[in-house]
Amino acid sequence: MQIFLFDLDAPPQGLDFGSLSTTYERDRAASYMREEDCTRFIHGRLWMRFFLGQALDRPASSLRFEEKEGQAPILTDGGNAVPLSWSLSRSEGAGAMALAPDGRLGIDIEMARAVPEADAISKDHFSKSEQEYLSGFSGEEKEKAFLRLWTAKEAFSKALGKGLAADWPGFSLDLSQTPPKHVSAGPETDPRQWHFEAFRGDYGEYGCVAHDRPINSLKLQDLRS
């Protein structure tokens, strides 16, 4: 598995959003109220094409995508899905992309920051056991634990293809183990099937990947360094 961290305030050279983007992507870019958010979305999609082109040894201009509201883009080739798994995440100006040969894959990255609303968010999105885990921390350490748990849960939810629409309180992760372990789930997932790996960016970001395959090796490249 490969993970790339990159700067969303700078696009990869030689790629033009106007000529490469889909109608859905152009409409979504135009929907952002803040110019900064629009620019970062555009750059994220260009970086996505850059990394996929490298992985497949193909020009970025040859890649074709299908996408629907609320779903991750699907890379197609003549109408057939290409056998490559990837997941994209962003937090402010930091972008992250995970690539694997196959399987369900999700990644999340979050900027290191204060989270004064951690308790309120936990009550809505975390299981009882996860809330108990967080209650063992206070102050800055609690905010760090919250971000570690949040990134793991969102990575798992994205791997399921549901993101924030997933039943977050309906599954539990155990962060007392390294790497995090999936300990309970709803009827559609088997905890033994899932594997997690947490990571930190060179600028302190918290991140995690979830994969329904064993993560035997992980190569992390922070292209901002």
Protein backbone atom coordinates (compact mmCIF):
# COMPACT_ATOMS: atom_id res chain seq x y z
CA MET A 1 0.00 0.00 0.00
CA GLN A 2 1.13 3.53 -0.76
CA ILE A 3 0.09 6.74 0.96
CA PHE A 4 0.88 10.15 -0.50
CA LEU A 5 0.53 13.41 1.40
CA PHE A 6 0.46 16.57 -0.69
CA ASP A 7 -0.22 20.30 -0.69
CA LEU A 8 -3.70 21.25 -1.86
CA ASP A 9 -2.61 24.84 -2.39
CA ALA A 10 -0.30 23.76 -5.23
CA PRO A 11 -1.41 21.58 -8.18
CA PRO A 12 0.75 18.97 -9.92
CA GLN A 13 2.49 20.46 -12.92
CA GLY A 14 1.17 19.93 -16.41
CA LEU A 15 -2.44 19.02 -15.58
CA ASP A 16 -5.37 21.25 -16.50
CA PHE A 17 -8.66 20.85 -14.64
CA GLY A 18 -10.75 22.37 -17.42
CA SER A 19 -9.71 19.78 -19.99
CA LEU A 20 -9.53 16.75 -17.68
CA SER A 21 -12.52 17.19 -15.38
CA THR A 22 -15.96 15.64 -15.65
CA THR A 23 -19.18 17.65 -15.69
CA TYR A 24 -19.85 16.47 -12.13
CA GLU A 25 -16.47 17.74 -10.95
CA ARG A 26 -16.92 21.13 -12.60
CA ASP A 27 -20.37 21.51 -11.06
CA ARG A 28 -19.06 20.50 -7.66
CA ALA A 29 -16.14 22.93 -7.88
CA ALA A 30 -18.56 25.73 -8.75
CA SER A 31 -20.73 24.90 -5.73
CA TYR A 32 -18.11 25.99 -3.19
CA MET A 33 -18.79 29.38 -1.66
CA ARG A 34 -15.16 30.11 -0.75
CA GLU A 35 -12.61 30.41 -3.54
CA GLU A 36 -10.02 28.69 -1.36
CA ASP A 37 -12.23 25.60 -0.97
CA CYS A 38 -12.94 25.52 -4.71
CA THR A 39 -9.23 25.73 -5.53
CA ARG A 40 -8.33 22.98 -3.08
CA PHE A 41 -11.02 20.69 -4.47
CA ILE A 42 -9.70 21.25 -8.00
CA HIS A 43 -6.12 20.60 -6.95
CA GLY A 44 -7.19 17.45 -5.09
CA ARG A 45 -8.77 16.02 -8.22
CA LEU A 46 -5.67 16.85 -10.26
CA TRP A 47 -3.44 15.13 -7.70
CA MET A 48 -5.79 12.13 -7.83
CA ARG A 49 -5.24 11.85 -11.58
CA PHE A 50 -1.50 12.36 -11.15
CA PHE A 51 -1.12 9.46 -8.69
CA LEU A 52 -3.45 7.14 -10.59
CA GLY A 53 -1.60 7.86 -13.82
CA GLN A 54 1.68 6.97 -12.13
CA ALA A 55 0.27 3.77 -10.62
CA LEU A 56 -1.18 2.59 -13.93
CA ASP A 57 1.68 3.93 -16.07
CA ARG A 58 -0.80 5.89 -18.14
CA PRO A 59 -1.18 9.56 -19.04
CA ALA A 60 -3.56 11.35 -16.70
CA SER A 61 -5.46 12.56 -19.77
CA SER A 62 -6.39 8.96 -20.63
CA LEU A 63 -8.18 8.29 -17.34
CA ARG A 64 -11.98 8.22 -17.34
CA PHE A 65 -14.23 8.44 -14.30
CA GLU A 66 -17.84 7.89 -13.31
CA GLU A 67 -19.19 9.60 -10.23
CA LYS A 68 -22.48 10.08 -8.43
CA GLU A 69 -23.48 12.40 -5.62
CA GLY A 70 -22.22 11.14 -2.28
CA GLN A 71 -20.04 8.41 -3.82
CA ALA A 72 -16.34 8.18 -4.54
CA PRO A 73 -15.33 8.43 -8.22
CA ILE A 74 -14.91 5.15 -10.11
CA LEU A 75 -12.08 4.79 -12.60
CA THR A 76 -13.38 3.08 -15.73
CA ASP A 77 -11.78 1.68 -18.86
CA GLY A 78 -14.16 1.02 -21.71
CA GLY A 79 -17.06 0.94 -19.25
CA ASN A 80 -15.35 -1.57 -16.94
CA ALA A 81 -13.99 -0.77 -13.49
CA VAL A 82 -10.17 -0.74 -13.32
CA PRO A 83 -8.75 -3.17 -10.69
CA LEU A 84 -7.11 -0.59 -8.46
CA SER A 85 -8.29 0.68 -5.08
CA TRP A 86 -7.75 4.20 -3.86
CA SER A 87 -9.14 6.70 -1.40
CA LEU A 88 -8.75 10.46 -1.15
CA SER A 89 -9.00 12.78 1.86
CA ARG A 90 -8.31 16.40 2.65
CA SER A 91 -8.17 18.64 5.69
CA GLU A 92 -7.73 22.35 5.03
CA GLY A 93 -4.61 22.53 2.82
CA ALA A 94 -3.43 18.96 3.41
CA GLY A 95 -4.34 16.18 1.00
CA ALA A 96 -3.87 12.42 1.37
CA MET A 97 -4.33 9.56 -1.06
CA ALA A 98 -4.01 5.82 -0.44
CA LEU A 99 -3.45 3.28 -3.22
CA ALA A 100 -3.69 -0.52 -3.07
CA PRO A 101 -3.96 -3.26 -5.71
CA ASP A 102 -7.47 -4.31 -4.65
CA GLY A 103 -10.00 -4.47 -1.84
CA ARG A 104 -12.10 -1.90 -0.03
CA LEU A 105 -9.92 0.99 1.07
CA GLY A 106 -10.48 4.21 3.00
CA ILE A 107 -8.24 7.00 4.24
CA ASP A 108 -8.79 10.05 6.41
CA ILE A 109 -6.50 12.89 7.42
CA GLU A 110 -7.18 15.63 9.96
CA MET A 111 -5.14 18.67 10.88
CA ALA A 112 -3.76 18.67 14.43
CA ARG A 113 -5.96 21.18 16.22
CA ALA A 114 -7.95 21.91 19.34
CA VAL A 115 -11.35 20.17 19.41
CA PRO A 116 -13.39 21.89 22.15
CA GLU A 117 -16.55 20.15 20.94
CA ALA A 118 -15.04 16.65 21.24
CA ASP A 119 -17.49 15.47 23.92
CA ALA A 120 -20.56 16.61 21.98
CA ILE A 121 -19.33 15.02 18.75
CA SER A 122 -18.48 11.80 20.58
CA LYS A 123 -22.04 11.43 21.89
CA ASP A 124 -23.41 11.59 18.34
CA HIS A 125 -20.80 9.59 16.45
CA PHE A 126 -18.97 7.23 18.81
CA SER A 127 -20.02 3.98 20.46
CA LYS A 128 -20.33 3.64 24.22
CA SER A 129 -16.98 1.85 24.48
CA GLU A 130 -15.29 4.55 22.41
CA GLN A 131 -16.77 7.27 24.61
CA GLU A 132 -15.46 5.42 27.66
CA TYR A 133 -12.03 5.25 26.05
CA LEU A 134 -11.99 9.02 25.49
CA SER A 135 -13.14 9.68 29.04
CA GLY A 136 -9.77 8.39 30.21
CA PHE A 137 -8.05 11.45 28.73
CA SER A 138 -8.23 15.16 29.47
CA GLY A 139 -7.07 18.40 27.92
CA GLU A 140 -4.70 18.19 24.98
CA GLU A 141 -4.31 14.42 25.29
CA LYS A 142 -8.06 14.00 24.89
CA GLU A 143 -8.02 16.06 21.70
CA LYS A 144 -5.23 13.88 20.32
CA ALA A 145 -7.14 10.71 21.21
CA PHE A 146 -10.27 12.14 19.60
CA LEU A 147 -8.46 12.85 16.33
CA ARG A 148 -6.91 9.37 16.29
CA LEU A 149 -10.33 7.81 16.78
CA TRP A 150 -12.10 10.09 14.32
CA THR A 151 -9.63 9.38 11.51
CA ALA A 152 -9.88 5.63 12.08
CA LYS A 153 -13.69 5.66 12.06
CA GLU A 154 -13.91 7.88 8.98
CA ALA A 155 -11.36 5.78 7.10
CA PHE A 156 -13.45 2.68 7.85
CA SER A 157 -16.69 4.42 6.84
CA LYS A 158 -15.13 5.55 3.55
CA ALA A 159 -13.90 2.02 2.87
CA LEU A 160 -17.53 0.90 3.22
CA GLY A 161 -18.47 3.56 0.68
CA LYS A 162 -20.69 5.42 3.14
CA GLY A 163 -18.60 8.15 4.77
CA LEU A 164 -20.57 10.24 7.25
CA ALA A 165 -23.77 8.42 6.20
CA ALA A 166 -22.57 5.25 7.96
CA ASP A 167 -23.93 4.20 11.34
CA TRP A 168 -20.93 5.51 13.26
CA PRO A 169 -22.16 4.56 16.77
CA GLY A 170 -22.97 1.09 15.40
CA PHE A 171 -19.35 -0.04 15.16
CA SER A 172 -16.47 0.21 17.63
CA LEU A 173 -12.71 0.55 17.29
CA ASP A 174 -10.15 -0.22 19.96
CA LEU A 175 -7.38 2.38 19.93
CA SER A 176 -5.64 0.93 22.97
CA GLN A 177 -3.99 -1.48 20.53
CA THR A 178 -1.43 -0.64 17.86
CA PRO A 179 -2.53 -0.63 15.12
CA PRO A 180 -6.18 0.15 15.94
CA LYS A 181 -8.47 -2.88 15.93
CA HIS A 182 -12.05 -3.24 14.73
CA VAL A 183 -13.84 -4.95 17.60
CA SER A 184 -17.55 -4.83 16.74
CA ALA A 185 -19.73 -4.08 13.76
CA GLY A 186 -23.16 -4.28 12.23
CA PRO A 187 -24.39 -7.27 10.20
CA GLU A 188 -22.64 -6.20 6.98
CA THR A 189 -19.05 -6.33 8.27
CA ASP A 190 -16.82 -8.90 9.94
CA PRO A 191 -14.33 -7.34 12.41
CA ARG A 192 -11.74 -9.99 11.54
CA GLN A 193 -11.75 -8.81 7.92
CA TRP A 194 -10.55 -5.27 8.57
CA HIS A 195 -7.07 -3.89 9.13
CA PHE A 196 -6.01 -0.40 10.17
CA GLU A 197 -2.81 1.62 10.15
CA ALA A 198 -2.45 5.03 11.76
CA PHE A 199 0.11 7.58 10.56
CA ARG A 200 1.25 11.16 11.15
CA GLY A 201 2.12 13.74 8.51
CA ASP A 202 5.34 15.75 8.58
CA TYR A 203 3.30 18.76 9.72
CA GLY A 204 1.62 16.88 12.56
CA GLU A 205 -1.58 15.76 10.83
CA TYR A 206 -3.37 12.67 12.12
CA GLY A 207 -4.29 10.00 9.61
CA CYS A 208 -5.49 6.43 9.28
CA VAL A 209 -6.17 3.90 6.54
CA ALA A 210 -8.67 1.03 6.68
CA HIS A 211 -8.44 -1.94 4.33
CA ASP A 212 -10.23 -5.26 4.05
CA ARG A 213 -6.90 -6.88 3.24
CA PRO A 214 -3.86 -7.37 5.52
CA ILE A 215 -1.59 -4.31 5.43
CA ASN A 216 1.72 -6.13 5.08
CA SER A 217 3.72 -3.12 3.96
CA LEU A 218 2.96 0.58 3.86
CA LYS A 219 5.00 3.24 2.10
CA LEU A 220 4.26 6.81 3.20
CA GLN A 221 5.53 9.72 1.13
CA ASP A 222 5.01 13.31 2.25
CA LEU A 223 5.58 15.31 -0.93
CA ARG A 224 5.49 18.60 0.98
CA SER A 225 8.83 17.93 2.71
